[in-house]
Amino acid sequence: TLPAVSSDPRLAVWRGDITTLKIDAIVNAANSRMEGCWQPCHACIDNCIHTFSGVQLRLRCHELMTRQGYEEPTGQAKITPGYNLPARFVLHTVGPIIDHSLTDRDCALLASCYTSCLKLAADNGCRSIAFCCISTGVFRFPQQKAAEIAVETVKGHLKECPALERVVFNVFSAADEHIYRALVE
């Protein structure tokens, strides 16, 4: 059980391996091909989730994308089974890539990632979800701003969707943990 760190007992911040969480859904910060990271031994969240979920996840994502016929748009999400993970589902979302000055559109697209995942989780009966820090790694979204968007979007959703019992902000670094804890308290 993860302790709550805010006045809202549904929110938690946890630094650790998202692939070990026994939760309804974990969120994968995916690339637009949605078939996992293709760089061997790359330490990104996409590679970790695909590795520990098993080859079935990559095959399922390939099937979804073949049927769709085009790359996944930024800000949207797909759902797959968790396969070999303790999580029932993996929600895959493509965050904005920042190779320029941050824009309002980038911020809106990142918020859409969280909203899309929350809606998909609710539509599939999930009562708990763990978010990684979407777009803050190789996609270069500034960590502080990304965390502000994540927490604000989730808090807004929780006001409208009381069925969600637990939202975990899964962080990678001590710096991320500090940022998120300050925002959710």
N, C-alpha and C. Protein backbone atom coordinates (compact mmCIF):
# COMPACT_ATOMS: atom_id res chain seq x y z
N THR A 1 0.84 -1.18 0.00
CA THR A 1 0.00 0.00 0.00
C THR A 1 0.89 1.24 0.00
N LEU A 2 0.58 2.16 -0.90
CA LEU A 2 1.33 3.40 -0.98
C LEU A 2 0.65 4.46 -0.13
N PRO A 3 1.42 5.15 0.72
CA PRO A 3 0.80 6.17 1.56
C PRO A 3 0.39 7.39 0.75
N ALA A 4 -0.72 7.99 1.15
CA ALA A 4 -1.14 9.25 0.53
C ALA A 4 -0.20 10.34 1.01
N VAL A 5 0.02 11.33 0.18
CA VAL A 5 0.92 12.42 0.57
C VAL A 5 0.24 13.77 0.43
N SER A 6 -1.07 13.76 0.40
CA SER A 6 -1.79 15.02 0.25
C SER A 6 -3.05 14.97 1.08
N SER A 7 -3.76 16.09 1.07
CA SER A 7 -5.04 16.12 1.77
C SER A 7 -6.07 15.25 1.07
N ASP A 8 -5.81 14.91 -0.18
CA ASP A 8 -6.68 13.99 -0.92
C ASP A 8 -6.07 12.59 -0.82
N PRO A 9 -6.69 11.69 -0.08
CA PRO A 9 -6.10 10.36 0.12
C PRO A 9 -6.01 9.52 -1.15
N ARG A 10 -6.60 9.99 -2.24
CA ARG A 10 -6.52 9.26 -3.50
C ARG A 10 -5.20 9.50 -4.22
N LEU A 11 -4.43 10.50 -3.82
CA LEU A 11 -3.18 10.84 -4.50
C LEU A 11 -1.97 10.31 -3.74
N ALA A 12 -1.02 9.78 -4.50
CA ALA A 12 0.23 9.31 -3.91
C ALA A 12 1.37 9.61 -4.88
N VAL A 13 2.56 9.82 -4.31
CA VAL A 13 3.78 9.98 -5.09
C VAL A 13 4.68 8.83 -4.69
N TRP A 14 5.24 8.14 -5.67
CA TRP A 14 6.08 6.99 -5.38
C TRP A 14 7.25 6.94 -6.35
N ARG A 15 8.45 6.78 -5.79
CA ARG A 15 9.64 6.61 -6.63
C ARG A 15 10.01 5.14 -6.60
N GLY A 16 9.96 4.52 -7.76
CA GLY A 16 10.27 3.10 -7.87
C GLY A 16 9.93 2.61 -9.26
N ASP A 17 9.97 1.33 -9.43
CA ASP A 17 9.76 0.68 -10.73
C ASP A 17 8.27 0.50 -10.98
N ILE A 18 7.74 1.25 -11.92
CA ILE A 18 6.30 1.22 -12.23
C ILE A 18 5.84 -0.18 -12.64
N THR A 19 6.74 -0.98 -13.19
CA THR A 19 6.36 -2.32 -13.65
C THR A 19 6.11 -3.29 -12.50
N THR A 20 6.37 -2.87 -11.26
CA THR A 20 6.14 -3.74 -10.11
C THR A 20 4.83 -3.43 -9.39
N LEU A 21 4.14 -2.39 -9.81
CA LEU A 21 2.92 -1.98 -9.11
C LEU A 21 1.74 -2.89 -9.43
N LYS A 22 1.11 -3.38 -8.37
CA LYS A 22 -0.13 -4.14 -8.54
C LYS A 22 -1.27 -3.12 -8.45
N ILE A 23 -1.71 -2.72 -9.62
CA ILE A 23 -2.66 -1.62 -9.75
C ILE A 23 -3.49 -1.91 -11.00
N ASP A 24 -4.61 -1.26 -11.15
CA ASP A 24 -5.44 -1.53 -12.33
C ASP A 24 -4.73 -1.16 -13.62
N ALA A 25 -4.10 0.02 -13.66
CA ALA A 25 -3.47 0.46 -14.92
C ALA A 25 -2.21 1.26 -14.64
N ILE A 26 -1.19 1.01 -15.46
CA ILE A 26 -0.01 1.86 -15.46
C ILE A 26 0.04 2.58 -16.81
N VAL A 27 0.66 3.74 -16.81
CA VAL A 27 0.74 4.54 -18.03
C VAL A 27 2.14 4.45 -18.62
N ASN A 28 2.18 4.17 -19.91
CA ASN A 28 3.42 4.10 -20.67
C ASN A 28 3.55 5.36 -21.51
N ALA A 29 4.66 6.06 -21.36
CA ALA A 29 4.98 7.20 -22.22
C ALA A 29 5.56 6.62 -23.50
N ALA A 30 4.71 6.47 -24.50
CA ALA A 30 5.05 5.75 -25.72
C ALA A 30 5.53 6.69 -26.82
N ASN A 31 6.08 6.07 -27.87
CA ASN A 31 6.37 6.84 -29.09
C ASN A 31 5.17 6.69 -30.02
N SER A 32 5.14 7.45 -31.08
CA SER A 32 3.96 7.49 -31.95
C SER A 32 3.72 6.19 -32.71
N ARG A 33 4.74 5.33 -32.81
CA ARG A 33 4.53 4.02 -33.44
C ARG A 33 3.85 3.05 -32.49
N MET A 34 3.91 3.33 -31.20
CA MET A 34 3.23 2.55 -30.16
C MET A 34 3.68 1.09 -30.08
N GLU A 35 4.82 0.78 -30.61
CA GLU A 35 5.28 -0.61 -30.61
C GLU A 35 6.48 -0.82 -29.70
N GLY A 36 6.70 0.09 -28.78
CA GLY A 36 7.81 -0.03 -27.85
C GLY A 36 9.07 0.62 -28.39
N CYS A 37 9.99 0.82 -27.50
CA CYS A 37 11.29 1.38 -27.87
C CYS A 37 12.10 0.31 -28.60
N TRP A 38 12.70 0.69 -29.69
CA TRP A 38 13.46 -0.28 -30.49
C TRP A 38 14.96 -0.19 -30.24
N GLN A 39 15.37 0.64 -29.29
CA GLN A 39 16.80 0.74 -28.96
C GLN A 39 17.10 -0.27 -27.86
N PRO A 40 17.89 -1.31 -28.16
CA PRO A 40 18.19 -2.33 -27.16
C PRO A 40 18.81 -1.74 -25.89
N CYS A 41 18.35 -2.22 -24.76
CA CYS A 41 18.86 -1.84 -23.44
C CYS A 41 18.67 -0.37 -23.10
N HIS A 42 17.84 0.33 -23.84
CA HIS A 42 17.56 1.73 -23.54
C HIS A 42 16.77 1.78 -22.23
N ALA A 43 17.11 2.70 -21.36
CA ALA A 43 16.51 2.74 -20.03
C ALA A 43 15.23 3.58 -19.96
N CYS A 44 14.54 3.75 -21.09
CA CYS A 44 13.30 4.53 -21.07
C CYS A 44 12.14 3.70 -20.51
N ILE A 45 11.10 4.38 -20.07
CA ILE A 45 9.94 3.70 -19.49
C ILE A 45 9.26 2.79 -20.50
N ASP A 46 9.23 3.21 -21.76
CA ASP A 46 8.62 2.42 -22.83
C ASP A 46 9.31 1.06 -22.95
N ASN A 47 10.62 1.06 -22.94
CA ASN A 47 11.37 -0.18 -23.04
C ASN A 47 11.16 -1.06 -21.80
N CYS A 48 11.18 -0.45 -20.63
CA CYS A 48 10.98 -1.21 -19.39
C CYS A 48 9.61 -1.90 -19.37
N ILE A 49 8.58 -1.16 -19.71
CA ILE A 49 7.23 -1.74 -19.68
C ILE A 49 7.10 -2.86 -20.71
N HIS A 50 7.59 -2.65 -21.92
CA HIS A 50 7.51 -3.70 -22.94
C HIS A 50 8.34 -4.92 -22.54
N THR A 51 9.49 -4.71 -21.94
CA THR A 51 10.35 -5.82 -21.52
C THR A 51 9.67 -6.68 -20.48
N PHE A 52 9.14 -6.04 -19.42
CA PHE A 52 8.57 -6.81 -18.32
C PHE A 52 7.16 -7.31 -18.59
N SER A 53 6.47 -6.70 -19.51
CA SER A 53 5.15 -7.18 -19.89
C SER A 53 5.24 -8.44 -20.74
N GLY A 54 6.29 -8.52 -21.54
CA GLY A 54 6.48 -9.68 -22.42
C GLY A 54 6.22 -9.33 -23.86
N VAL A 55 6.63 -10.21 -24.73
CA VAL A 55 6.53 -9.97 -26.17
C VAL A 55 5.07 -9.80 -26.62
N GLN A 56 4.14 -10.34 -25.85
CA GLN A 56 2.72 -10.20 -26.20
C GLN A 56 2.30 -8.73 -26.30
N LEU A 57 2.89 -7.88 -25.47
CA LEU A 57 2.53 -6.47 -25.49
C LEU A 57 2.95 -5.82 -26.81
N ARG A 58 4.16 -6.09 -27.24
CA ARG A 58 4.63 -5.52 -28.51
C ARG A 58 3.77 -6.03 -29.67
N LEU A 59 3.40 -7.30 -29.63
CA LEU A 59 2.55 -7.86 -30.68
C LEU A 59 1.16 -7.22 -30.67
N ARG A 60 0.60 -7.04 -29.49
CA ARG A 60 -0.73 -6.41 -29.38
C ARG A 60 -0.69 -4.97 -29.89
N CYS A 61 0.34 -4.24 -29.51
CA CYS A 61 0.47 -2.86 -29.98
C CYS A 61 0.62 -2.82 -31.50
N HIS A 62 1.38 -3.76 -32.05
CA HIS A 62 1.54 -3.83 -33.51
C HIS A 62 0.18 -4.08 -34.18
N GLU A 63 -0.61 -4.99 -33.60
CA GLU A 63 -1.95 -5.26 -34.15
C GLU A 63 -2.83 -4.01 -34.10
N LEU A 64 -2.81 -3.31 -32.97
CA LEU A 64 -3.62 -2.09 -32.83
C LEU A 64 -3.22 -1.05 -33.87
N MET A 65 -1.93 -0.87 -34.04
CA MET A 65 -1.46 0.18 -34.95
C MET A 65 -1.66 -0.22 -36.41
N THR A 66 -1.55 -1.50 -36.72
CA THR A 66 -1.80 -1.96 -38.08
C THR A 66 -3.26 -1.71 -38.45
N ARG A 67 -4.17 -2.03 -37.52
CA ARG A 67 -5.60 -1.76 -37.75
C ARG A 67 -5.88 -0.27 -37.88
N GLN A 68 -5.21 0.52 -37.05
CA GLN A 68 -5.43 1.96 -37.09
C GLN A 68 -4.92 2.56 -38.40
N GLY A 69 -3.77 2.10 -38.86
CA GLY A 69 -3.25 2.55 -40.15
C GLY A 69 -2.48 3.85 -40.16
N TYR A 70 -2.27 4.44 -39.01
CA TYR A 70 -1.47 5.67 -38.91
C TYR A 70 -0.90 5.76 -37.50
N GLU A 71 0.15 6.58 -37.36
CA GLU A 71 0.78 6.72 -36.05
C GLU A 71 -0.18 7.35 -35.05
N GLU A 72 0.04 7.04 -33.80
CA GLU A 72 -0.82 7.56 -32.73
C GLU A 72 -0.59 9.07 -32.58
N PRO A 73 -1.66 9.84 -32.61
CA PRO A 73 -1.51 11.29 -32.44
C PRO A 73 -1.09 11.65 -31.01
N THR A 74 -0.35 12.70 -30.88
CA THR A 74 0.06 13.20 -29.57
C THR A 74 -1.18 13.57 -28.76
N GLY A 75 -1.17 13.17 -27.49
CA GLY A 75 -2.26 13.52 -26.59
C GLY A 75 -3.37 12.50 -26.49
N GLN A 76 -3.32 11.46 -27.32
CA GLN A 76 -4.34 10.41 -27.25
C GLN A 76 -3.77 9.19 -26.53
N ALA A 77 -4.59 8.17 -26.34
CA ALA A 77 -4.15 6.99 -25.59
C ALA A 77 -4.80 5.72 -26.12
N LYS A 78 -4.11 4.62 -25.90
CA LYS A 78 -4.61 3.28 -26.22
C LYS A 78 -4.48 2.43 -24.96
N ILE A 79 -5.27 1.36 -24.89
CA ILE A 79 -5.21 0.45 -23.75
C ILE A 79 -4.90 -0.96 -24.24
N THR A 80 -4.06 -1.65 -23.48
CA THR A 80 -3.76 -3.06 -23.74
C THR A 80 -3.78 -3.80 -22.41
N PRO A 81 -3.85 -5.12 -22.47
CA PRO A 81 -3.66 -5.89 -21.23
C PRO A 81 -2.25 -5.67 -20.69
N GLY A 82 -2.06 -5.95 -19.41
CA GLY A 82 -0.74 -5.84 -18.80
C GLY A 82 0.12 -7.07 -19.04
N TYR A 83 -0.48 -8.15 -19.50
CA TYR A 83 0.21 -9.42 -19.76
C TYR A 83 0.98 -9.87 -18.53
N ASN A 84 2.30 -9.87 -18.54
CA ASN A 84 3.09 -10.42 -17.43
C ASN A 84 3.33 -9.42 -16.30
N LEU A 85 2.73 -8.27 -16.37
CA LEU A 85 2.87 -7.26 -15.31
C LEU A 85 1.83 -7.50 -14.23
N PRO A 86 2.07 -7.03 -13.01
CA PRO A 86 1.03 -7.11 -11.99
C PRO A 86 -0.16 -6.18 -12.29
N ALA A 87 0.05 -5.16 -13.10
CA ALA A 87 -1.03 -4.25 -13.50
C ALA A 87 -1.94 -4.96 -14.50
N ARG A 88 -3.25 -4.73 -14.38
CA ARG A 88 -4.20 -5.34 -15.32
C ARG A 88 -4.06 -4.77 -16.73
N PHE A 89 -3.81 -3.47 -16.80
CA PHE A 89 -3.76 -2.79 -18.10
C PHE A 89 -2.53 -1.90 -18.21
N VAL A 90 -2.15 -1.64 -19.46
CA VAL A 90 -1.17 -0.60 -19.77
C VAL A 90 -1.88 0.41 -20.65
N LEU A 91 -1.81 1.66 -20.26
CA LEU A 91 -2.34 2.76 -21.06
C LEU A 91 -1.15 3.42 -21.74
N HIS A 92 -1.19 3.48 -23.05
CA HIS A 92 -0.08 4.02 -23.84
C HIS A 92 -0.48 5.40 -24.34
N THR A 93 0.34 6.40 -24.08
CA THR A 93 0.05 7.75 -24.56
C THR A 93 1.31 8.38 -25.12
N VAL A 94 1.12 9.20 -26.13
CA VAL A 94 2.24 9.87 -26.79
C VAL A 94 2.25 11.33 -26.37
N GLY A 95 3.28 11.70 -25.63
CA GLY A 95 3.40 13.09 -25.20
C GLY A 95 4.11 13.95 -26.23
N PRO A 96 4.03 15.26 -26.06
CA PRO A 96 4.69 16.17 -26.99
C PRO A 96 6.21 16.10 -26.88
N ILE A 97 6.86 16.23 -28.02
CA ILE A 97 8.32 16.30 -28.08
C ILE A 97 8.70 17.77 -28.11
N ILE A 98 9.57 18.17 -27.20
CA ILE A 98 9.96 19.58 -27.10
C ILE A 98 11.35 19.77 -27.71
N ASP A 99 11.37 20.29 -28.93
CA ASP A 99 12.64 20.61 -29.58
C ASP A 99 12.65 22.10 -29.94
N HIS A 100 11.92 22.88 -29.15
CA HIS A 100 11.74 24.31 -29.37
C HIS A 100 11.33 24.91 -28.03
N SER A 101 11.04 26.18 -28.00
CA SER A 101 10.53 26.80 -26.78
C SER A 101 9.14 26.22 -26.49
N LEU A 102 8.88 25.99 -25.22
CA LEU A 102 7.60 25.43 -24.80
C LEU A 102 6.45 26.36 -25.20
N THR A 103 5.39 25.77 -25.77
CA THR A 103 4.23 26.56 -26.21
C THR A 103 2.98 26.15 -25.44
N ASP A 104 1.95 26.97 -25.54
CA ASP A 104 0.66 26.63 -24.94
C ASP A 104 0.11 25.34 -25.55
N ARG A 105 0.36 25.15 -26.83
CA ARG A 105 -0.10 23.93 -27.50
C ARG A 105 0.57 22.69 -26.89
N ASP A 106 1.87 22.77 -26.62
CA ASP A 106 2.58 21.65 -25.98
C ASP A 106 1.94 21.33 -24.63
N CYS A 107 1.64 22.37 -23.87
CA CYS A 107 1.04 22.18 -22.55
C CYS A 107 -0.35 21.55 -22.66
N ALA A 108 -1.12 22.00 -23.64
CA ALA A 108 -2.46 21.43 -23.85
C ALA A 108 -2.37 19.97 -24.29
N LEU A 109 -1.39 19.65 -25.13
CA LEU A 109 -1.22 18.26 -25.57
C LEU A 109 -0.82 17.36 -24.40
N LEU A 110 0.04 17.86 -23.52
CA LEU A 110 0.43 17.05 -22.36
C LEU A 110 -0.78 16.84 -21.45
N ALA A 111 -1.55 17.88 -21.21
CA ALA A 111 -2.77 17.72 -20.40
C ALA A 111 -3.70 16.70 -21.04
N SER A 112 -3.78 16.70 -22.36
CA SER A 112 -4.62 15.75 -23.08
C SER A 112 -4.15 14.31 -22.87
N CYS A 113 -2.85 14.10 -22.73
CA CYS A 113 -2.34 12.76 -22.42
C CYS A 113 -2.95 12.24 -21.13
N TYR A 114 -2.94 13.08 -20.10
CA TYR A 114 -3.49 12.69 -18.80
C TYR A 114 -5.01 12.49 -18.88
N THR A 115 -5.69 13.42 -19.53
CA THR A 115 -7.15 13.32 -19.67
C THR A 115 -7.53 12.06 -20.45
N SER A 116 -6.83 11.79 -21.55
CA SER A 116 -7.13 10.61 -22.37
C SER A 116 -6.94 9.33 -21.57
N CYS A 117 -5.87 9.27 -20.78
CA CYS A 117 -5.62 8.08 -19.97
C CYS A 117 -6.67 7.92 -18.88
N LEU A 118 -7.03 9.01 -18.22
CA LEU A 118 -8.04 8.94 -17.17
C LEU A 118 -9.39 8.50 -17.72
N LYS A 119 -9.76 9.01 -18.87
CA LYS A 119 -11.03 8.61 -19.50
C LYS A 119 -11.00 7.14 -19.89
N LEU A 120 -9.91 6.70 -20.50
CA LEU A 120 -9.77 5.31 -20.92
C LEU A 120 -9.80 4.38 -19.71
N ALA A 121 -9.15 4.79 -18.63
CA ALA A 121 -9.15 3.99 -17.40
C ALA A 121 -10.58 3.86 -16.87
N ALA A 122 -11.30 4.97 -16.80
CA ALA A 122 -12.68 4.94 -16.31
C ALA A 122 -13.57 4.09 -17.21
N ASP A 123 -13.40 4.22 -18.51
CA ASP A 123 -14.20 3.44 -19.47
C ASP A 123 -13.97 1.94 -19.33
N ASN A 124 -12.83 1.56 -18.76
CA ASN A 124 -12.49 0.15 -18.61
C ASN A 124 -12.57 -0.33 -17.17
N GLY A 125 -13.26 0.42 -16.33
CA GLY A 125 -13.53 0.00 -14.96
C GLY A 125 -12.35 0.08 -14.02
N CYS A 126 -11.33 0.84 -14.36
CA CYS A 126 -10.16 0.96 -13.48
C CYS A 126 -10.50 1.86 -12.29
N ARG A 127 -10.03 1.45 -11.13
CA ARG A 127 -10.22 2.24 -9.93
C ARG A 127 -8.90 2.80 -9.43
N SER A 128 -7.80 2.36 -10.06
CA SER A 128 -6.47 2.87 -9.69
C SER A 128 -5.60 2.96 -10.93
N ILE A 129 -4.72 3.97 -10.93
CA ILE A 129 -3.86 4.22 -12.08
C ILE A 129 -2.54 4.82 -11.60
N ALA A 130 -1.46 4.43 -12.25
CA ALA A 130 -0.15 5.01 -11.96
C ALA A 130 0.38 5.69 -13.22
N PHE A 131 0.71 6.96 -13.07
CA PHE A 131 1.27 7.74 -14.17
C PHE A 131 2.78 7.84 -14.03
N CYS A 132 3.50 7.59 -15.11
CA CYS A 132 4.91 7.95 -15.16
C CYS A 132 4.96 9.44 -15.47
N CYS A 133 6.15 10.01 -15.49
CA CYS A 133 6.32 11.43 -15.83
C CYS A 133 6.36 11.55 -17.36
N ILE A 134 5.21 11.74 -17.96
CA ILE A 134 5.06 11.74 -19.42
C ILE A 134 5.85 12.88 -20.06
N SER A 135 6.62 12.54 -21.07
CA SER A 135 7.36 13.48 -21.93
C SER A 135 8.59 14.13 -21.30
N THR A 136 8.93 13.81 -20.05
CA THR A 136 10.04 14.53 -19.40
C THR A 136 11.41 13.90 -19.65
N GLY A 137 11.45 12.74 -20.25
CA GLY A 137 12.73 12.10 -20.55
C GLY A 137 13.27 12.56 -21.89
N VAL A 138 13.38 11.63 -22.82
CA VAL A 138 13.95 11.95 -24.13
C VAL A 138 13.07 12.92 -24.93
N PHE A 139 11.81 13.13 -24.51
CA PHE A 139 10.94 14.09 -25.20
C PHE A 139 11.14 15.52 -24.68
N ARG A 140 11.91 15.69 -23.61
CA ARG A 140 12.44 16.96 -23.12
C ARG A 140 11.42 18.00 -22.63
N PHE A 141 10.27 17.57 -22.16
CA PHE A 141 9.32 18.53 -21.57
C PHE A 141 9.90 18.95 -20.22
N PRO A 142 9.94 20.25 -19.89
CA PRO A 142 10.50 20.68 -18.60
C PRO A 142 9.76 20.02 -17.43
N GLN A 143 10.54 19.46 -16.50
CA GLN A 143 9.98 18.65 -15.42
C GLN A 143 8.98 19.41 -14.55
N GLN A 144 9.33 20.61 -14.12
CA GLN A 144 8.43 21.36 -13.24
C GLN A 144 7.09 21.63 -13.91
N LYS A 145 7.13 22.12 -15.12
CA LYS A 145 5.89 22.45 -15.84
C LYS A 145 5.07 21.18 -16.11
N ALA A 146 5.75 20.10 -16.48
CA ALA A 146 5.05 18.83 -16.73
C ALA A 146 4.34 18.34 -15.47
N ALA A 147 5.00 18.45 -14.33
CA ALA A 147 4.40 18.02 -13.07
C ALA A 147 3.19 18.89 -12.72
N GLU A 148 3.32 20.19 -12.93
CA GLU A 148 2.19 21.09 -12.66
C GLU A 148 0.98 20.72 -13.50
N ILE A 149 1.22 20.44 -14.77
CA ILE A 149 0.12 20.05 -15.67
C ILE A 149 -0.48 18.72 -15.23
N ALA A 150 0.38 17.76 -14.88
CA ALA A 150 -0.09 16.44 -14.47
C ALA A 150 -0.98 16.54 -13.23
N VAL A 151 -0.49 17.20 -12.21
CA VAL A 151 -1.23 17.28 -10.95
C VAL A 151 -2.52 18.08 -11.12
N GLU A 152 -2.45 19.21 -11.81
CA GLU A 152 -3.65 20.02 -12.04
C GLU A 152 -4.71 19.25 -12.83
N THR A 153 -4.28 18.54 -13.86
CA THR A 153 -5.23 17.78 -14.69
C THR A 153 -5.87 16.65 -13.89
N VAL A 154 -5.07 15.93 -13.13
CA VAL A 154 -5.59 14.82 -12.33
C VAL A 154 -6.53 15.33 -11.24
N LYS A 155 -6.14 16.37 -10.55
CA LYS A 155 -7.02 16.91 -9.50
C LYS A 155 -8.36 17.37 -10.08
N GLY A 156 -8.32 18.00 -11.23
CA GLY A 156 -9.56 18.42 -11.89
C GLY A 156 -10.43 17.24 -12.25
N HIS A 157 -9.80 16.17 -12.72
CA HIS A 157 -10.55 14.97 -13.09
C HIS A 157 -11.17 14.31 -11.86
N LEU A 158 -10.44 14.27 -10.76
CA LEU A 158 -10.94 13.61 -9.55
C LEU A 158 -12.19 14.31 -9.00
N LYS A 159 -12.30 15.61 -9.23
CA LYS A 159 -13.50 16.33 -8.78
C LYS A 159 -14.73 15.85 -9.55
N GLU A 160 -14.52 15.45 -10.80
CA GLU A 160 -15.63 15.03 -11.66
C GLU A 160 -15.82 13.52 -11.69
N CYS A 161 -14.83 12.76 -11.25
CA CYS A 161 -14.88 11.30 -11.35
C CYS A 161 -14.52 10.67 -10.01
N PRO A 162 -15.47 10.62 -9.09
CA PRO A 162 -15.18 10.08 -7.77
C PRO A 162 -14.92 8.57 -7.74
N ALA A 163 -15.18 7.87 -8.85
CA ALA A 163 -14.99 6.42 -8.86
C ALA A 163 -13.51 6.03 -8.81
N LEU A 164 -12.63 6.92 -9.22
CA LEU A 164 -11.20 6.62 -9.20
C LEU A 164 -10.71 6.73 -7.75
N GLU A 165 -10.22 5.60 -7.23
CA GLU A 165 -9.85 5.53 -5.82
C GLU A 165 -8.39 5.87 -5.55
N ARG A 166 -7.53 5.71 -6.56
CA ARG A 166 -6.10 5.93 -6.32
C ARG A 166 -5.41 6.37 -7.59
N VAL A 167 -4.65 7.46 -7.49
CA VAL A 167 -3.79 7.92 -8.58
C VAL A 167 -2.39 8.04 -8.01
N VAL A 168 -1.48 7.30 -8.62
CA VAL A 168 -0.08 7.31 -8.19
C VAL A 168 0.73 8.07 -9.23
N PHE A 169 1.49 9.05 -8.76
CA PHE A 169 2.46 9.71 -9.62
C PHE A 169 3.78 8.99 -9.40
N ASN A 170 4.15 8.17 -10.35
CA ASN A 170 5.37 7.38 -10.27
C ASN A 170 6.52 8.21 -10.83
N VAL A 171 7.51 8.50 -10.01
CA VAL A 171 8.61 9.37 -10.42
C VAL A 171 9.90 8.57 -10.53
N PHE A 172 10.81 9.09 -11.34
CA PHE A 172 12.06 8.40 -11.62
C PHE A 172 13.20 8.91 -10.75
N SER A 173 13.26 10.20 -10.53
CA SER A 173 14.41 10.79 -9.83
C SER A 173 13.99 11.46 -8.52
N ALA A 174 14.98 11.74 -7.69
CA ALA A 174 14.73 12.46 -6.45
C ALA A 174 14.20 13.87 -6.75
N ALA A 175 14.70 14.47 -7.82
CA ALA A 175 14.22 15.81 -8.20
C ALA A 175 12.74 15.76 -8.56
N ASP A 176 12.33 14.76 -9.33
CA ASP A 176 10.91 14.60 -9.67
C ASP A 176 10.08 14.38 -8.41
N GLU A 177 10.59 13.55 -7.51
CA GLU A 177 9.85 13.27 -6.28
C GLU A 177 9.61 14.55 -5.49
N HIS A 178 10.64 15.37 -5.38
CA HIS A 178 10.52 16.64 -4.65
C HIS A 178 9.46 17.54 -5.31
N ILE A 179 9.51 17.65 -6.63
CA ILE A 179 8.56 18.48 -7.37
C ILE A 179 7.13 18.00 -7.14
N TYR A 180 6.90 16.71 -7.32
CA TYR A 180 5.53 16.18 -7.19
C TYR A 180 5.02 16.26 -5.77
N ARG A 181 5.87 15.96 -4.80
CA ARG A 181 5.40 16.03 -3.41
C ARG A 181 4.96 17.45 -3.05
N ALA A 182 5.73 18.44 -3.51
CA ALA A 182 5.36 19.83 -3.24
C ALA A 182 4.02 20.19 -3.88
N LEU A 183 3.74 19.64 -5.03
CA LEU A 183 2.50 19.97 -5.75
C LEU A 183 1.27 19.26 -5.21
N VAL A 184 1.42 18.07 -4.67
CA VAL A 184 0.23 17.33 -4.21
C VAL A 184 -0.09 17.56 -2.74
N GLU A 185 0.83 18.12 -2.00
CA GLU A 185 0.58 18.36 -0.56
C GLU A 185 -0.44 19.45 -0.34
